[in-house]
Protein backbone atom coordinates (compact mmCIF):
# COMPACT_ATOMS: atom_id res chain seq x y z
CA MET A 1 -7.33 8.11 24.74
CA ALA A 2 -6.35 4.49 24.22
CA ARG A 3 -5.33 3.77 20.63
CA LEU A 4 -7.29 1.22 18.61
CA PRO A 5 -5.71 -2.15 17.85
CA ARG A 6 -4.61 -2.65 14.30
CA LEU A 7 -7.25 -3.77 11.85
CA ALA A 8 -5.96 -6.72 9.85
CA VAL A 9 -8.21 -9.35 8.43
CA PRO A 10 -6.95 -12.38 6.41
CA GLY A 11 -8.01 -12.43 2.82
CA TYR A 12 -8.73 -8.75 2.45
CA ALA A 13 -6.62 -6.13 0.74
CA HIS A 14 -4.93 -3.53 2.94
CA HIS A 15 -3.51 -0.13 1.91
CA VAL A 16 -0.47 0.31 4.19
CA MET A 17 1.53 3.52 4.79
CA VAL A 18 4.69 3.98 6.81
CA ARG A 19 6.35 7.37 7.22
CA GLY A 20 9.69 8.66 8.28
CA ASN A 21 9.90 10.45 11.67
CA ASN A 22 9.18 14.14 11.20
CA ARG A 23 8.71 13.32 7.50
CA LEU A 24 12.47 12.91 7.14
CA ALA A 25 13.97 10.71 4.39
CA ILE A 26 13.91 7.03 5.03
CA PHE A 27 15.87 6.36 1.81
CA VAL A 28 19.12 8.22 1.13
CA ASP A 29 20.04 6.45 -2.10
CA ASP A 30 19.26 3.47 -4.31
CA ALA A 31 21.08 1.08 -2.09
CA ASP A 32 18.65 1.78 0.73
CA ARG A 33 15.64 1.25 -1.64
CA LEU A 34 17.06 -2.06 -2.79
CA LYS A 35 17.60 -3.22 0.72
CA TRP A 36 14.09 -2.30 1.64
CA LEU A 37 12.65 -4.26 -1.31
CA ALA A 38 14.80 -7.26 -0.54
CA LEU A 39 13.57 -7.30 3.10
CA GLN A 40 10.02 -6.70 1.97
CA ALA A 41 10.15 -9.70 -0.37
CA GLN A 42 11.82 -11.84 2.32
CA TYR A 43 9.29 -11.17 5.10
CA ALA A 44 6.26 -11.08 2.76
CA ALA A 45 7.06 -14.66 1.80
CA GLU A 46 7.86 -15.64 5.35
CA PHE A 47 4.58 -14.30 6.80
CA GLU A 48 2.34 -15.24 3.83
CA VAL A 49 1.48 -11.68 2.68
CA ARG A 50 0.87 -11.10 -1.01
CA VAL A 51 2.32 -7.75 -2.07
CA HIS A 52 0.06 -6.48 -4.94
CA ALA A 53 1.67 -3.07 -5.32
CA TYR A 54 4.17 -0.70 -3.82
CA VAL A 55 5.77 2.66 -4.13
CA LEU A 56 8.83 4.00 -2.33
CA MET A 57 8.91 7.67 -1.88
CA ASP A 58 11.71 9.65 -0.20
CA ASN A 59 10.08 9.77 3.23
CA HIS A 60 7.29 7.18 3.12
CA VAL A 61 6.19 3.96 1.55
CA HIS A 62 2.78 2.69 0.26
CA LEU A 63 2.04 -0.99 0.03
CA LEU A 64 -1.12 -2.81 -1.13
CA VAL A 65 -1.18 -6.26 0.38
CA THR A 66 -3.38 -9.25 1.25
CA PRO A 67 -2.38 -11.26 4.29
CA ALA A 68 -3.17 -14.93 4.53
CA THR A 69 -3.35 -14.85 8.40
CA ASP A 70 -4.45 -12.40 11.08
CA GLN A 71 -0.80 -11.93 12.20
CA GLY A 72 0.72 -11.82 8.70
CA LEU A 73 0.57 -8.06 8.17
CA PRO A 74 1.65 -7.02 11.64
CA LYS A 75 4.55 -9.50 11.53
CA LEU A 76 5.58 -8.30 8.08
CA MET A 77 5.65 -4.69 9.14
CA GLN A 78 7.35 -5.43 12.49
CA PHE A 79 10.23 -7.44 11.10
CA LEU A 80 10.62 -5.26 7.93
CA GLY A 81 10.61 -2.05 9.97
CA ARG A 82 13.05 -3.33 12.60
CA GLN A 83 15.50 -4.95 10.25
CA TYR A 84 15.55 -2.03 7.86
CA VAL A 85 16.17 0.52 10.63
CA SER A 86 19.03 -1.58 11.99
CA TRP A 87 20.68 -1.80 8.61
CA PHE A 88 19.99 1.89 7.81
CA ASN A 89 21.47 3.09 11.05
CA ARG A 90 24.57 1.05 10.69
CA ARG A 91 25.07 2.09 7.12
CA HIS A 92 24.53 5.75 7.74
CA SER A 93 26.22 5.94 11.23
CA ARG A 94 23.12 7.07 13.04
CA THR A 95 20.98 5.99 16.01
CA GLY A 96 17.40 6.26 17.06
CA THR A 97 14.08 5.79 15.48
CA LEU A 98 13.37 6.18 11.78
CA TRP A 99 9.59 5.91 11.79
CA GLU A 100 6.78 8.31 12.67
CA GLY A 101 4.96 5.91 15.06
CA ARG A 102 3.23 2.76 13.93
CA TYR A 103 2.41 1.88 10.40
CA LYS A 104 -1.03 2.91 9.22
CA SER A 105 -3.36 0.71 7.22
CA SER A 106 -6.83 0.82 5.62
CA LEU A 107 -8.68 -2.42 4.74
CA ILE A 108 -10.36 -1.66 1.44
CA GLN A 109 -13.21 -3.06 -0.53
CA SER A 110 -11.36 -4.56 -3.44
CA GLU A 111 -14.08 -4.59 -6.18
CA ARG A 112 -14.63 -0.83 -5.67
CA TYR A 113 -11.22 0.48 -4.82
CA LEU A 114 -8.37 -1.87 -5.31
CA LEU A 115 -7.37 -0.90 -8.89
CA ASN A 116 -7.95 2.79 -8.02
CA CYS A 117 -5.67 2.37 -5.08
CA MET A 118 -2.96 0.95 -7.31
CA VAL A 119 -3.31 3.85 -9.70
CA TYR A 120 -3.26 6.33 -6.81
CA MET A 121 -0.02 4.82 -5.57
CA ASP A 122 1.64 4.81 -8.95
CA LEU A 123 0.86 8.43 -9.39
CA ASN A 124 2.35 9.46 -6.09
CA PRO A 125 5.80 10.31 -7.70
CA VAL A 126 4.04 12.43 -10.29
CA ARG A 127 2.06 14.33 -7.65
CA ALA A 128 5.25 14.93 -5.70
CA ALA A 129 7.09 16.20 -8.90
CA MET A 130 9.61 13.37 -8.60
CA ALA A 131 8.71 12.12 -12.14
CA ALA A 132 6.77 13.36 -15.12
CA HIS A 133 5.11 9.93 -15.67
CA PRO A 134 4.83 6.83 -13.53
CA GLY A 135 6.94 4.99 -16.06
CA ASP A 136 9.83 7.30 -15.35
CA TYR A 137 9.92 6.27 -11.74
CA GLN A 138 11.61 2.85 -10.98
CA TRP A 139 10.67 2.49 -7.38
CA SER A 140 7.17 1.36 -7.76
CA SER A 141 5.26 -1.65 -9.13
CA TYR A 142 4.01 0.35 -12.16
CA LEU A 143 6.67 -0.85 -14.51
CA HIS A 144 5.79 -4.42 -13.66
CA TYR A 145 2.06 -4.01 -14.53
CA ALA A 146 2.91 -1.94 -17.49
CA GLY A 147 4.99 -4.77 -18.96
CA LYS A 148 8.31 -2.95 -18.76
CA ARG A 149 9.97 -5.29 -16.32
CA VAL A 150 9.38 -8.42 -14.28
CA ASP A 151 9.10 -7.99 -10.49
CA ASN A 152 8.97 -11.43 -8.95
CA ALA A 153 8.22 -9.87 -5.49
CA VAL A 154 4.77 -8.59 -6.78
CA ALA A 155 1.71 -10.86 -6.74
CA ALA A 156 -1.10 -9.75 -9.03
CA HIS A 157 -4.50 -9.51 -7.47
CA PRO A 158 -7.34 -11.39 -9.20
CA LEU A 159 -8.93 -8.02 -10.22
CA GLN A 160 -5.75 -7.22 -12.09
CA TRP A 161 -5.86 -10.53 -13.85
CA GLY A 162 -9.42 -9.65 -14.85
CA LEU A 163 -8.27 -6.63 -16.95
CA GLY A 164 -7.60 -8.88 -19.95
CA ASN A 165 -7.16 -12.37 -21.27
CA THR A 166 -3.51 -11.94 -22.21
CA PRO A 167 -0.54 -10.32 -20.54
CA PHE A 168 -0.47 -7.67 -23.38
CA ALA A 169 -4.17 -6.92 -22.84
CA ARG A 170 -3.77 -6.60 -19.12
CA GLU A 171 -0.78 -4.34 -19.47
CA ALA A 172 -2.53 -2.16 -21.99
CA ALA A 173 -5.64 -1.86 -19.74
CA TYR A 174 -3.60 -0.94 -16.75
CA ILE A 175 -1.65 1.69 -18.60
CA GLU A 176 -5.00 3.21 -19.65
CA LEU A 177 -6.25 3.14 -16.05
CA VAL A 178 -3.16 5.02 -14.84
CA ALA A 179 -3.54 7.46 -17.72
CA ARG A 180 -7.07 8.27 -16.54
CA GLY A 181 -5.88 8.75 -13.02
CA VAL A 182 -8.06 9.08 -9.90
CA GLY A 183 -10.10 12.01 -8.85
CA ALA A 184 -8.89 14.39 -6.07
CA SER A 185 -11.80 13.33 -3.80
CA LEU A 186 -10.97 9.68 -4.03
CA ALA A 187 -7.26 10.28 -3.61
CA LYS A 188 -7.89 12.29 -0.54
CA GLN A 189 -10.15 9.56 0.95
CA LEU A 190 -7.66 6.80 0.18
CA THR A 191 -5.01 8.83 2.09
CA GLU A 192 -7.21 9.79 4.98
CA HIS A 193 -8.61 6.32 5.52
CA ALA A 194 -5.05 4.87 5.59
CA LEU A 195 -3.73 7.49 7.99
CA LYS A 196 -6.63 7.01 10.35
CA SER A 197 -6.61 3.23 9.94
CA TRP A 198 -10.29 2.98 8.97
CA ALA A 199 -11.75 0.48 6.57
CA PHE A 200 -12.88 1.92 3.19
CA GLY A 201 -15.87 0.61 1.38
CA ASP A 202 -19.71 0.81 1.08
CA SER A 203 -22.10 0.13 3.93
CA ARG A 204 -22.69 -3.52 2.91
CA PHE A 205 -18.97 -4.21 2.87
CA LEU A 206 -18.38 -2.47 6.23
CA ASP A 207 -21.30 -4.33 7.84
CA GLY A 208 -19.91 -7.64 6.69
CA LEU A 209 -16.37 -6.77 7.74
CA GLN A 210 -17.55 -5.72 11.20
CA LEU A 211 -18.80 -9.19 11.81
CA LYS A 212 -15.29 -10.55 11.34
CA THR A 213 -13.59 -8.44 14.04
CA THR A 214 -14.24 -6.95 17.41
CA ARG A 215 -12.32 -3.85 16.39
CA ARG A 216 -14.42 -0.96 15.16
CA VAL A 217 -13.87 -0.70 11.41
CA THR A 218 -14.98 2.87 10.80
CA LYS A 219 -15.19 6.08 12.73
CA THR A 220 -18.87 6.71 12.12
CA THR A 221 -21.87 4.42 12.24
CA VAL A 222 -21.97 2.21 9.17
CA GLY A 223 -24.39 3.63 6.58
CA ARG A 224 -24.61 4.98 3.13
CA PRO A 225 -21.19 6.18 2.02
CA SER A 226 -20.63 9.68 0.77
CA LYS A 227 -20.59 10.01 -2.98
CA ILE A 228 -17.08 9.92 -4.39
CA LYS A 229 -16.00 11.78 -7.52
CA ASN A 230 -13.51 9.74 -9.43
């Protein structure tokens, strides 16, 4: 069966996942993680992709981004992936692929799911028992939004700006959102939609999105979405 082309639409938020081959580690140490973040910032700027959030796990990465052009996201992931693998292989005296196929992405309905997607991403290290609290894990954008550090490579989405009238209010509101967490059903759907590269939103959103692309945006016929427990 022919694989579907990537779904990338300018101006929409995309939840992106990239995994290590056979789920092996793509980061050996902090130097690897710093290199990834440097390349991520470089190519995001070059290809006009706003990175709203990220989390670097041992064997995979989550990004939440909004591209300004239809080629912005594919170009970002192409150059980032190739340059990082080249550097990683030289540094660790290895050859061959590092990735488990192509990157996966899900275009999401921002007003319904963007903030929840950020929370889901920030809680990944906790779910994986890599940290007791998101604030204990330095390789995500949580510390930036919690007011614990400044990450110039992160561009806040307008919905995050809407959490409060001052930086302190926005930070406090985001900390509270993360403390509430996301329900297991929503977390599962965010994961599955990203892995299958389907858009995630209600029927009105999906109908409107389908008008902007010839690529099918969802597996099933657009209709009433299943009820999600948050």
